[in-house]
Amino acid sequence: MNAAAARHAAASLRRLIATQGRARVVVATAASQLGFQRELVRAPDVDWSKVEVKTEKLAEGVWM
């Protein structure tokens, strides 16, 4: 499931970069997301220099 989700996300990132010149991603940091993240960063042809990764603190101990 991680690999399929990462392929889908990578395709979306490539499409956004191609059409808008950049992409933004909000990253979940839960341990359950690590497999997905490992797969995503290995995805071919994603220009990571054009991807902005966001994390934001929503409340004490809660990050987005």
Protein backbone atom coordinates (compact mmCIF):
# COMPACT_ATOMS: atom_id res chain seq x y z
CA MET A 1 0.00 0.00 0.00
CA ASN A 2 2.88 2.39 0.74
CA ALA A 3 4.32 1.90 -2.74
CA ALA A 4 0.98 2.49 -4.46
CA ALA A 5 0.30 5.62 -2.42
CA ALA A 6 3.80 6.93 -3.11
CA ARG A 7 3.41 6.34 -6.86
CA HIS A 8 0.14 8.28 -6.81
CA ALA A 9 1.65 11.13 -4.80
CA ALA A 10 4.73 11.27 -7.04
CA ALA A 11 2.53 11.45 -10.15
CA SER A 12 0.63 14.34 -8.57
CA LEU A 13 3.87 16.12 -7.71
CA ARG A 14 5.22 15.69 -11.25
CA ARG A 15 1.93 17.00 -12.70
CA LEU A 16 1.89 20.03 -10.40
CA ILE A 17 5.52 20.85 -11.16
CA ALA A 18 4.87 20.53 -14.90
CA THR A 19 1.77 22.75 -14.82
CA GLN A 20 2.55 25.19 -12.01
CA GLY A 21 6.31 25.07 -11.73
CA ARG A 22 6.23 23.96 -8.10
CA ALA A 23 4.39 21.89 -5.52
CA ARG A 24 3.76 22.06 -1.80
CA VAL A 25 3.48 19.09 0.53
CA VAL A 26 2.35 18.84 4.15
CA VAL A 27 4.20 15.94 5.73
CA ALA A 28 2.70 13.66 8.36
CA THR A 29 5.32 12.61 10.86
CA ALA A 30 3.63 9.62 12.49
CA ALA A 31 5.59 6.39 12.48
CA SER A 32 2.90 4.83 10.31
CA GLN A 33 3.87 7.22 7.50
CA LEU A 34 7.56 6.33 7.33
CA GLY A 35 7.15 3.53 4.76
CA PHE A 36 5.22 5.85 2.47
CA GLN A 37 7.83 8.58 2.86
CA ARG A 38 10.68 6.18 2.08
CA GLU A 39 8.92 5.11 -1.11
CA LEU A 40 8.05 8.68 -2.11
CA VAL A 41 11.58 10.06 -1.88
CA ARG A 42 12.76 7.24 -4.17
CA ALA A 43 10.18 8.06 -6.84
CA PRO A 44 11.82 8.75 -10.21
CA ASP A 45 11.65 12.10 -11.94
CA VAL A 46 10.40 14.23 -9.05
CA ASP A 47 12.34 17.50 -9.03
CA TRP A 48 12.57 17.91 -5.26
CA SER A 49 14.16 21.34 -5.66
CA LYS A 50 10.70 22.52 -6.77
CA VAL A 51 8.82 20.92 -3.86
CA GLU A 52 8.19 22.93 -0.71
CA VAL A 53 7.66 20.76 2.36
CA LYS A 54 5.55 22.31 5.10
CA THR A 55 5.24 21.47 8.75
CA GLU A 56 3.29 23.79 11.01
CA LYS A 57 2.52 23.72 14.68
CA LEU A 58 -1.24 23.78 15.20
CA ALA A 59 -1.22 23.60 18.98
CA GLU A 60 1.08 22.51 21.75
CA GLY A 61 2.34 19.10 20.71
CA VAL A 62 0.30 19.11 17.47
CA TRP A 63 2.18 19.73 14.21
CA MET A 64 0.92 19.88 10.66
